[in-house]
Amino acid sequence: MKIAITGSDGQLGRALTRVLETQHQVIALPRPEFDITDRANIARLAELAPEVVIQCAAMTDVDGAARDPVAAFRVNAFGAQNVALACQRCDAALVYISTNEVFDGNKPTPYLEFDAPNPVNAYGKSKLAGEWYVQHLLEKFYVVRTAWLYGKGGGKFPDKILELAARQPVLDVVRDEIGSPTYVPDLADALAQLVLTEQYGVYHLVNAGSCSRYEWAVEILRMADMPRPVKPITRAEYSRASTPPPNGALENFAAATVLNIQLRSWQAALAAYFRE
């Protein structure tokens, strides 16, 4: 299968390339050489004639999106429109990587694929707009929502916690923001399975289970054998530009039930992260 990956230079794009290139022809489309906001790239992508396009290119800086919503919509919404139009021209299926932040976080349990989105910040709104374009322009699409991605050398939450632990005697970590930590190699493996199914639709792909930022930090330090006191604080006590949903936990219901695509627990994935 010929598979194009936008944003192939990012953490997920690199992981997908490693997984897919062993069995497929991968077309890597890194930034800035391939800018999804440039309408000229609609024709360029269509001419490559991929069978599947995986859109990893995105503005994922949540606080940056709050400071500059126009930039977030330019990339996450109108960029998705461009990629979808390219797929329309060459009859390719599109995998659009979305986020748990399309939900408002008021549900007391993890979100299913069928729950109604209601984003509360600019990032979530821009990603939901991208979902809208994909679903209205294409018949062959996979909208894949994920959450709290991290991996080796990614500069994500585990790396930041370890950096802080090396400098500070006590860490303050938010206790009232819940999510589903997801290990990038596990997501890449699940996506590689999904694109073979041709079972189009909306999916949540996350490591199983959920936790607070505080609980995640405690487990990170335990596995890293870096004992440090961790003080639980509230979201109100942590100043940031964006407002995340209080409960952003997702449940992989559709893929697990219909396709038997399941991801291990977030604790097992975190252990693998430290081993690797």
Protein backbone atom coordinates (compact mmCIF):
# COMPACT_ATOMS: atom_id res chain seq x y z
CA MET A 1 0.00 0.00 0.00
CA LYS A 2 1.19 3.53 -0.77
CA ILE A 3 0.82 5.67 2.36
CA ALA A 4 1.64 9.38 2.63
CA ILE A 5 2.37 10.90 6.03
CA THR A 6 2.11 14.66 6.51
CA GLY A 7 4.20 16.00 9.37
CA SER A 8 6.46 12.97 9.00
CA ASP A 9 9.21 14.77 10.92
CA GLY A 10 7.14 14.94 14.10
CA GLN A 11 7.16 12.40 16.91
CA LEU A 12 4.13 10.45 15.68
CA GLY A 13 5.14 10.84 12.04
CA ARG A 14 8.57 9.33 12.72
CA ALA A 15 7.07 6.43 14.67
CA LEU A 16 4.56 5.73 11.90
CA THR A 17 7.29 5.79 9.27
CA ARG A 18 9.29 3.19 11.20
CA VAL A 19 6.27 0.92 11.60
CA LEU A 20 4.82 1.25 8.11
CA GLU A 21 7.91 1.27 5.91
CA THR A 22 8.58 -2.41 6.61
CA GLN A 23 5.44 -3.45 4.73
CA HIS A 24 4.29 -0.42 2.73
CA GLN A 25 5.57 2.27 0.42
CA VAL A 26 5.77 5.34 2.63
CA ILE A 27 5.81 8.87 1.24
CA ALA A 28 7.26 11.14 3.92
CA LEU A 29 6.01 14.73 3.78
CA PRO A 30 7.92 16.66 6.46
CA ARG A 31 7.48 20.25 7.49
CA PRO A 32 8.26 22.89 6.32
CA GLU A 33 8.87 21.37 2.89
CA PHE A 34 5.25 20.20 2.79
CA ASP A 35 3.00 22.84 4.32
CA ILE A 36 -0.61 21.66 4.64
CA THR A 37 -1.79 25.30 4.77
CA ASP A 38 -0.41 25.94 1.26
CA ARG A 39 -3.24 25.30 -1.20
CA ALA A 40 -0.69 24.56 -3.94
CA ASN A 41 0.07 21.33 -2.11
CA ILE A 42 -3.43 20.01 -2.82
CA ALA A 43 -2.38 19.22 -6.40
CA ARG A 44 1.07 18.08 -5.31
CA LEU A 45 -0.33 15.53 -2.85
CA ALA A 46 -2.96 14.31 -5.31
CA GLU A 47 -0.29 13.75 -7.96
CA LEU A 48 1.58 11.43 -5.59
CA ALA A 49 -1.51 9.19 -5.74
CA PRO A 50 -1.34 7.65 -2.27
CA GLU A 51 -3.95 5.11 -1.25
CA VAL A 52 -3.96 6.41 2.32
CA VAL A 53 -2.90 9.75 3.80
CA ILE A 54 -2.18 10.05 7.52
CA GLN A 55 -2.38 13.65 8.65
CA CYS A 56 0.05 14.07 11.52
CA ALA A 57 0.82 17.69 10.63
CA ALA A 58 -0.94 19.94 13.14
CA MET A 59 -0.55 22.81 15.54
CA THR A 60 -0.42 20.88 18.81
CA ASP A 61 0.74 23.71 21.08
CA VAL A 62 -2.44 24.03 23.15
CA ASP A 63 -1.39 27.22 24.91
CA GLY A 64 -0.09 28.65 21.64
CA ALA A 65 -3.51 27.99 20.12
CA ALA A 66 -5.12 29.97 22.96
CA ARG A 67 -2.81 32.89 22.28
CA ASP A 68 -3.28 32.72 18.49
CA PRO A 69 -6.57 31.01 17.57
CA VAL A 70 -6.31 32.15 13.95
CA ALA A 71 -3.05 30.23 13.53
CA ALA A 72 -4.63 27.15 15.13
CA PHE A 73 -7.58 27.22 12.71
CA ARG A 74 -5.28 27.89 9.76
CA VAL A 75 -3.37 24.66 10.42
CA ASN A 76 -5.82 22.36 12.16
CA ALA A 77 -9.00 23.27 10.27
CA PHE A 78 -8.07 24.74 6.89
CA GLY A 79 -4.98 22.55 6.65
CA ALA A 80 -7.25 19.55 7.13
CA GLN A 81 -9.54 20.93 4.43
CA ASN A 82 -6.60 21.07 2.00
CA VAL A 83 -5.49 17.52 2.76
CA ALA A 84 -9.07 16.25 2.46
CA LEU A 85 -9.46 17.93 -0.94
CA ALA A 86 -6.25 16.28 -2.10
CA CYS A 87 -7.57 12.91 -0.95
CA GLN A 88 -10.82 13.64 -2.77
CA ARG A 89 -8.90 14.17 -6.03
CA CYS A 90 -6.91 10.95 -5.84
CA ASP A 91 -9.55 8.82 -4.08
CA ALA A 92 -7.34 8.24 -1.04
CA ALA A 93 -8.53 7.43 2.47
CA LEU A 94 -7.58 10.00 5.09
CA VAL A 95 -6.54 9.38 8.69
CA TYR A 96 -7.06 12.60 10.62
CA ILE A 97 -5.38 12.66 14.02
CA SER A 98 -7.62 14.52 16.45
CA THR A 99 -7.72 15.07 20.19
CA ASN A 100 -9.55 14.47 23.44
CA GLU A 101 -9.89 18.24 23.73
CA VAL A 102 -12.88 18.24 21.38
CA PHE A 103 -14.84 17.39 24.56
CA ASP A 104 -15.75 19.77 27.38
CA GLY A 105 -14.62 17.40 30.15
CA ASN A 106 -17.85 17.47 32.13
CA LYS A 107 -18.64 13.77 31.69
CA PRO A 108 -17.76 11.77 34.84
CA THR A 109 -16.56 8.75 32.85
CA PRO A 110 -14.27 8.33 29.80
CA TYR A 111 -15.62 9.63 26.50
CA LEU A 112 -16.86 7.22 23.84
CA GLU A 113 -16.73 7.85 20.10
CA PHE A 114 -20.47 8.59 20.13
CA ASP A 115 -20.41 11.33 22.77
CA ALA A 116 -21.15 14.83 21.51
CA PRO A 117 -18.08 17.07 21.17
CA ASN A 118 -18.16 20.46 22.86
CA PRO A 119 -14.66 21.97 22.99
CA VAL A 120 -13.88 24.63 25.58
CA ASN A 121 -10.63 26.02 24.14
CA ALA A 122 -9.24 27.22 20.82
CA TYR A 123 -7.17 24.11 20.23
CA GLY A 124 -10.14 21.79 20.66
CA LYS A 125 -12.33 24.02 18.50
CA SER A 126 -9.76 24.07 15.70
CA LYS A 127 -9.37 20.27 15.76
CA LEU A 128 -13.14 19.76 15.76
CA ALA A 129 -13.36 22.05 12.73
CA GLY A 130 -10.78 19.81 11.05
CA GLU A 131 -12.91 16.77 11.87
CA TRP A 132 -15.89 18.55 10.27
CA TYR A 133 -14.04 19.15 7.00
CA VAL A 134 -12.81 15.56 6.83
CA GLN A 135 -16.24 14.07 7.48
CA HIS A 136 -18.05 16.38 5.06
CA LEU A 137 -15.58 16.22 2.18
CA LEU A 138 -14.75 12.51 2.20
CA GLU A 139 -16.43 9.14 2.33
CA LYS A 140 -13.24 7.25 3.19
CA PHE A 141 -11.88 8.61 6.45
CA TYR A 142 -10.69 7.62 9.89
CA VAL A 143 -11.00 10.33 12.53
CA VAL A 144 -8.71 9.16 15.33
CA ARG A 145 -8.85 10.96 18.65
CA THR A 146 -5.97 10.43 21.03
CA ALA A 147 -4.60 12.10 24.15
CA TRP A 148 -1.51 13.00 26.15
CA LEU A 149 1.03 11.65 23.65
CA TYR A 150 4.60 11.02 24.73
CA GLY A 151 7.61 9.08 23.52
CA LYS A 152 11.37 8.95 23.49
CA GLY A 153 12.97 12.33 22.92
CA GLY A 154 9.65 14.06 22.50
CA GLY A 155 9.93 16.68 25.21
CA LYS A 156 6.50 15.73 26.54
CA PHE A 157 5.12 15.41 30.06
CA PRO A 158 7.38 12.58 31.33
CA ASP A 159 10.49 14.42 30.10
CA LYS A 160 9.33 17.65 31.75
CA ILE A 161 8.62 15.90 35.05
CA LEU A 162 12.08 14.31 35.07
CA GLU A 163 13.70 17.65 34.21
CA LEU A 164 11.84 19.38 37.03
CA ALA A 165 12.70 16.58 39.45
CA ALA A 166 16.38 17.07 38.67
CA ARG A 167 16.14 20.76 39.63
CA GLN A 168 13.42 21.08 42.28
CA PRO A 169 13.01 19.43 45.70
CA VAL A 170 9.18 19.47 45.41
CA LEU A 171 6.97 19.28 42.31
CA ASP A 172 3.54 20.93 42.04
CA VAL A 173 1.30 18.92 39.69
CA VAL A 174 -2.37 19.35 38.80
CA ARG A 175 -4.67 16.76 40.37
CA ASP A 176 -8.02 17.73 38.77
CA GLU A 177 -7.17 17.21 35.09
CA ILE A 178 -7.81 13.62 33.97
CA GLY A 179 -6.62 12.06 30.75
CA SER A 180 -5.35 8.98 28.96
CA PRO A 181 -1.53 8.93 28.65
CA THR A 182 -0.68 7.39 25.28
CA TYR A 183 2.70 6.04 24.23
CA VAL A 184 3.49 7.08 20.65
CA PRO A 185 4.83 3.66 19.47
CA ASP A 186 1.62 2.02 20.71
CA LEU A 187 -0.51 4.54 18.80
CA ALA A 188 1.59 4.02 15.66
CA ASP A 189 1.07 0.26 15.87
CA ALA A 190 -2.68 0.71 16.31
CA LEU A 191 -2.87 3.09 13.34
CA ALA A 192 -0.95 0.61 11.19
CA GLN A 193 -3.63 -1.97 11.99
CA LEU A 194 -6.50 0.47 11.45
CA VAL A 195 -5.57 1.55 7.92
CA LEU A 196 -5.75 -2.06 6.73
CA THR A 197 -9.36 -2.52 7.82
CA GLU A 198 -11.21 -0.08 5.53
CA GLN A 199 -13.67 0.22 8.43
CA TYR A 200 -14.04 3.98 8.16
CA GLY A 201 -15.35 6.13 10.99
CA VAL A 202 -14.45 7.76 14.29
CA TYR A 203 -12.11 5.99 16.72
CA HIS A 204 -10.49 6.67 20.07
CA LEU A 205 -6.99 5.18 20.24
CA VAL A 206 -5.34 5.59 23.63
CA ASN A 207 -3.56 3.37 26.12
CA ALA A 208 -6.14 1.77 28.38
CA GLY A 209 -7.13 3.45 31.62
CA SER A 210 -6.88 7.03 32.81
CA CYS A 211 -5.25 9.10 35.53
CA SER A 212 -4.71 12.65 36.71
CA ARG A 213 -1.60 14.64 35.86
CA TYR A 214 -0.63 14.21 39.51
CA GLU A 215 -1.02 10.42 39.42
CA TRP A 216 0.93 10.25 36.17
CA ALA A 217 3.79 12.30 37.65
CA VAL A 218 3.96 10.10 40.75
CA GLU A 219 4.17 6.98 38.58
CA ILE A 220 6.82 8.55 36.33
CA LEU A 221 9.04 9.34 39.31
CA ARG A 222 8.50 5.90 40.80
CA MET A 223 9.49 4.12 37.59
CA ALA A 224 12.45 6.45 37.12
CA ASP A 225 13.58 5.69 40.69
CA MET A 226 13.64 9.43 41.45
CA PRO A 227 11.80 9.79 44.76
CA ARG A 228 10.53 13.35 45.08
CA PRO A 229 7.62 14.87 47.00
CA VAL A 230 4.78 15.74 44.64
CA LYS A 231 2.24 18.32 45.80
CA PRO A 232 -1.22 18.02 44.24
CA ILE A 233 -2.61 21.38 43.10
CA THR A 234 -5.76 22.43 41.23
CA ARG A 235 -6.05 23.67 37.68
CA ALA A 236 -6.98 27.07 39.12
CA GLU A 237 -3.61 27.19 40.89
CA TYR A 238 -1.65 26.44 37.71
CA SER A 239 -1.44 29.45 35.40
CA ARG A 240 -1.57 28.75 31.67
CA ALA A 241 -3.04 30.34 28.54
CA SER A 242 -5.43 27.51 27.70
CA THR A 243 -8.14 25.84 29.75
CA PRO A 244 -8.05 22.04 29.35
CA PRO A 245 -11.15 19.89 29.90
CA PRO A 246 -11.18 18.57 33.49
CA ASN A 247 -11.92 15.05 32.26
CA GLY A 248 -10.28 14.32 28.93
CA ALA A 249 -10.16 10.54 29.36
CA LEU A 250 -11.06 8.55 26.24
CA GLU A 251 -12.24 4.96 25.90
CA ASN A 252 -11.13 2.87 22.94
CA PHE A 253 -14.58 1.38 22.44
CA ALA A 254 -15.15 1.18 18.68
CA ALA A 255 -11.77 -0.20 17.57
CA ALA A 256 -11.60 -2.69 20.44
CA THR A 257 -15.17 -3.91 20.00
CA VAL A 258 -15.38 -4.14 16.21
CA LEU A 259 -11.77 -4.52 15.06
CA ASN A 260 -10.06 -6.05 18.11
CA ILE A 261 -7.49 -3.25 18.06
CA GLN A 262 -6.52 -2.81 21.69
CA LEU A 263 -3.75 -0.89 23.41
CA ARG A 264 -2.12 -2.01 26.66
CA SER A 265 -2.62 -0.11 29.91
CA TRP A 266 -1.00 3.27 30.31
CA GLN A 267 1.07 1.87 33.19
CA ALA A 268 2.46 -0.97 31.03
CA ALA A 269 3.19 1.50 28.24
CA LEU A 270 5.01 3.83 30.64
CA ALA A 271 7.12 0.90 31.84
CA ALA A 272 8.04 0.16 28.21
CA TYR A 273 8.97 3.81 27.72
CA PHE A 274 11.49 3.56 30.56
CA ARG A 275 12.85 0.23 29.30
CA GLU A 276 13.42 1.64 25.85
